[in-house]
Amino acid sequence: MDLLDLLQWPAFAASVSAAWLIASRDRGRRNLGFWVFLGSNALWATWGIHTSAYALIALQACLAALNVRGLFKTEPDSGKGDKS
């Protein structure tokens, strides 16, 4: 087994941890969750490149964009409310 094959396990753990954090009511934990998700996106994309899983790489790019959006949504409120 190639060492890069093992990369899927920390990617898995990061994804599950990030999902746990995102579900928090605490804004700081949710924000951290998006950062952890971005790390998992990088890990999954790296593993996808190694295994030539191009659909996985494309998925991770899309999910990373959504996670960046989530980071902006967890910034302190400006008093205007969430308009989605």
C-alpha atoms as a PDB file:
ATOM      1  CA  MET A   1       0.000   0.000   0.000  1.00  0.00           C
ATOM      2  CA  ASP A   2       1.291   3.408  -1.019  1.00  0.00           C
ATOM      3  CA  LEU A   3       1.612   6.024   1.729  1.00  0.00           C
ATOM      4  CA  LEU A   4      -0.676   8.403  -0.186  1.00  0.00           C
ATOM      5  CA  ASP A   5      -3.381   5.716  -0.071  1.00  0.00           C
ATOM      6  CA  LEU A   6      -3.506   6.274   3.684  1.00  0.00           C
ATOM      7  CA  LEU A   7      -4.396   9.937   3.122  1.00  0.00           C
ATOM      8  CA  GLN A   8      -8.048   9.002   2.794  1.00  0.00           C
ATOM      9  CA  TRP A   9      -8.260   8.228   6.546  1.00  0.00           C
ATOM     10  CA  PRO A  10      -7.251  11.667   7.855  1.00  0.00           C
ATOM     11  CA  ALA A  11      -9.470  13.155   5.121  1.00  0.00           C
ATOM     12  CA  PHE A  12     -12.343  11.041   6.409  1.00  0.00           C
ATOM     13  CA  ALA A  13     -11.662  12.040  10.029  1.00  0.00           C
ATOM     14  CA  ALA A  14     -11.439  15.726   9.099  1.00  0.00           C
ATOM     15  CA  SER A  15     -14.731  15.556   7.185  1.00  0.00           C
ATOM     16  CA  VAL A  16     -16.583  13.944  10.086  1.00  0.00           C
ATOM     17  CA  SER A  17     -15.024  16.348  12.611  1.00  0.00           C
ATOM     18  CA  ALA A  18     -15.935  19.337  10.462  1.00  0.00           C
ATOM     19  CA  ALA A  19     -19.544  18.175  10.128  1.00  0.00           C
ATOM     20  CA  TRP A  20     -19.710  17.894  13.933  1.00  0.00           C
ATOM     21  CA  LEU A  21     -18.355  21.422  14.339  1.00  0.00           C
ATOM     22  CA  ILE A  22     -20.651  22.903  11.680  1.00  0.00           C
ATOM     23  CA  ALA A  23     -23.682  21.648  13.616  1.00  0.00           C
ATOM     24  CA  SER A  24     -22.672  23.668  16.695  1.00  0.00           C
ATOM     25  CA  ARG A  25     -24.755  26.600  17.888  1.00  0.00           C
ATOM     26  CA  ASP A  26     -21.530  28.441  18.693  1.00  0.00           C
ATOM     27  CA  ARG A  27     -20.439  30.704  15.854  1.00  0.00           C
ATOM     28  CA  GLY A  28     -16.737  30.131  16.598  1.00  0.00           C
ATOM     29  CA  ARG A  29     -17.091  26.350  16.362  1.00  0.00           C
ATOM     30  CA  ARG A  30     -19.066  26.653  13.125  1.00  0.00           C
ATOM     31  CA  ASN A  31     -16.344  28.898  11.723  1.00  0.00           C
ATOM     32  CA  LEU A  32     -13.685  26.366  12.757  1.00  0.00           C
ATOM     33  CA  GLY A  33     -15.772  23.664  11.092  1.00  0.00           C
ATOM     34  CA  PHE A  34     -15.565  25.437   7.747  1.00  0.00           C
ATOM     35  CA  TRP A  35     -11.779  25.681   8.099  1.00  0.00           C
ATOM     36  CA  VAL A  36     -11.556  21.985   8.944  1.00  0.00           C
ATOM     37  CA  PHE A  37     -13.778  21.221   5.941  1.00  0.00           C
ATOM     38  CA  LEU A  38     -11.387  23.221   3.739  1.00  0.00           C
ATOM     39  CA  GLY A  39      -8.532  21.106   5.075  1.00  0.00           C
ATOM     40  CA  SER A  40     -10.470  17.947   4.305  1.00  0.00           C
ATOM     41  CA  ASN A  41     -11.177  19.272   0.799  1.00  0.00           C
ATOM     42  CA  ALA A  42      -7.428  19.650   0.269  1.00  0.00           C
ATOM     43  CA  LEU A  43      -6.753  16.154   1.620  1.00  0.00           C
ATOM     44  CA  TRP A  44      -9.462  14.553  -0.526  1.00  0.00           C
ATOM     45  CA  ALA A  45      -8.311  16.438  -3.624  1.00  0.00           C
ATOM     46  CA  THR A  46      -4.724  15.317  -3.030  1.00  0.00           C
ATOM     47  CA  TRP A  47      -5.879  11.726  -2.678  1.00  0.00           C
ATOM     48  CA  GLY A  48      -8.045  12.156  -5.785  1.00  0.00           C
ATOM     49  CA  ILE A  49      -5.066  13.361  -7.808  1.00  0.00           C
ATOM     50  CA  HIS A  50      -3.061  10.374  -6.583  1.00  0.00           C
ATOM     51  CA  THR A  51      -5.811   7.932  -7.607  1.00  0.00           C
ATOM     52  CA  SER A  52      -6.909   9.794 -10.770  1.00  0.00           C
ATOM     53  CA  ALA A  53     -10.390  10.281  -9.310  1.00  0.00           C
ATOM     54  CA  TYR A  54     -11.287  13.352 -11.338  1.00  0.00           C
ATOM     55  CA  ALA A  55     -14.930  13.523 -10.251  1.00  0.00           C
ATOM     56  CA  LEU A  56     -13.764  13.568  -6.625  1.00  0.00           C
ATOM     57  CA  ILE A  57     -11.364  16.408  -7.389  1.00  0.00           C
ATOM     58  CA  ALA A  58     -14.156  18.396  -9.062  1.00  0.00           C
ATOM     59  CA  LEU A  59     -16.474  17.697  -6.122  1.00  0.00           C
ATOM     60  CA  GLN A  60     -13.874  18.929  -3.645  1.00  0.00           C
ATOM     61  CA  ALA A  61     -13.378  22.139  -5.639  1.00  0.00           C
ATOM     62  CA  CYS A  62     -17.134  22.797  -5.523  1.00  0.00           C
ATOM     63  CA  LEU A  63     -17.369  21.939  -1.834  1.00  0.00           C
ATOM     64  CA  ALA A  64     -14.390  24.186  -1.086  1.00  0.00           C
ATOM     65  CA  ALA A  65     -16.226  27.087  -2.754  1.00  0.00           C
ATOM     66  CA  LEU A  66     -19.275  26.374  -0.577  1.00  0.00           C
ATOM     67  CA  ASN A  67     -17.068  26.224   2.509  1.00  0.00           C
ATOM     68  CA  VAL A  68     -15.564  29.615   1.678  1.00  0.00           C
ATOM     69  CA  ARG A  69     -19.134  30.933   1.396  1.00  0.00           C
ATOM     70  CA  GLY A  70     -19.840  29.419   4.811  1.00  0.00           C
ATOM     71  CA  LEU A  71     -16.810  31.192   6.259  1.00  0.00           C
ATOM     72  CA  PHE A  72     -18.221  34.520   5.134  1.00  0.00           C
ATOM     73  CA  LYS A  73     -21.619  33.616   6.582  1.00  0.00           C
ATOM     74  CA  THR A  74     -20.097  32.970  10.014  1.00  0.00           C
ATOM     75  CA  GLU A  75     -18.487  36.402  10.213  1.00  0.00           C
ATOM     76  CA  PRO A  76     -19.945  38.670  12.914  1.00  0.00           C
ATOM     77  CA  ASP A  77     -23.413  39.988  12.063  1.00  0.00           C
ATOM     78  CA  SER A  78     -23.672  43.505  10.724  1.00  0.00           C
ATOM     79  CA  GLY A  79     -27.170  43.747  12.185  1.00  0.00           C
ATOM     80  CA  LYS A  80     -28.908  43.136   8.849  1.00  0.00           C
ATOM     81  CA  GLY A  81     -29.894  39.499   9.396  1.00  0.00           C
ATOM     82  CA  ASP A  82     -29.276  36.505   7.160  1.00  0.00           C
ATOM     83  CA  LYS A  83     -30.599  36.919   3.638  1.00  0.00           C
ATOM     84  CA  SER A  84     -29.066  33.583   2.507  1.00  0.00           C
END
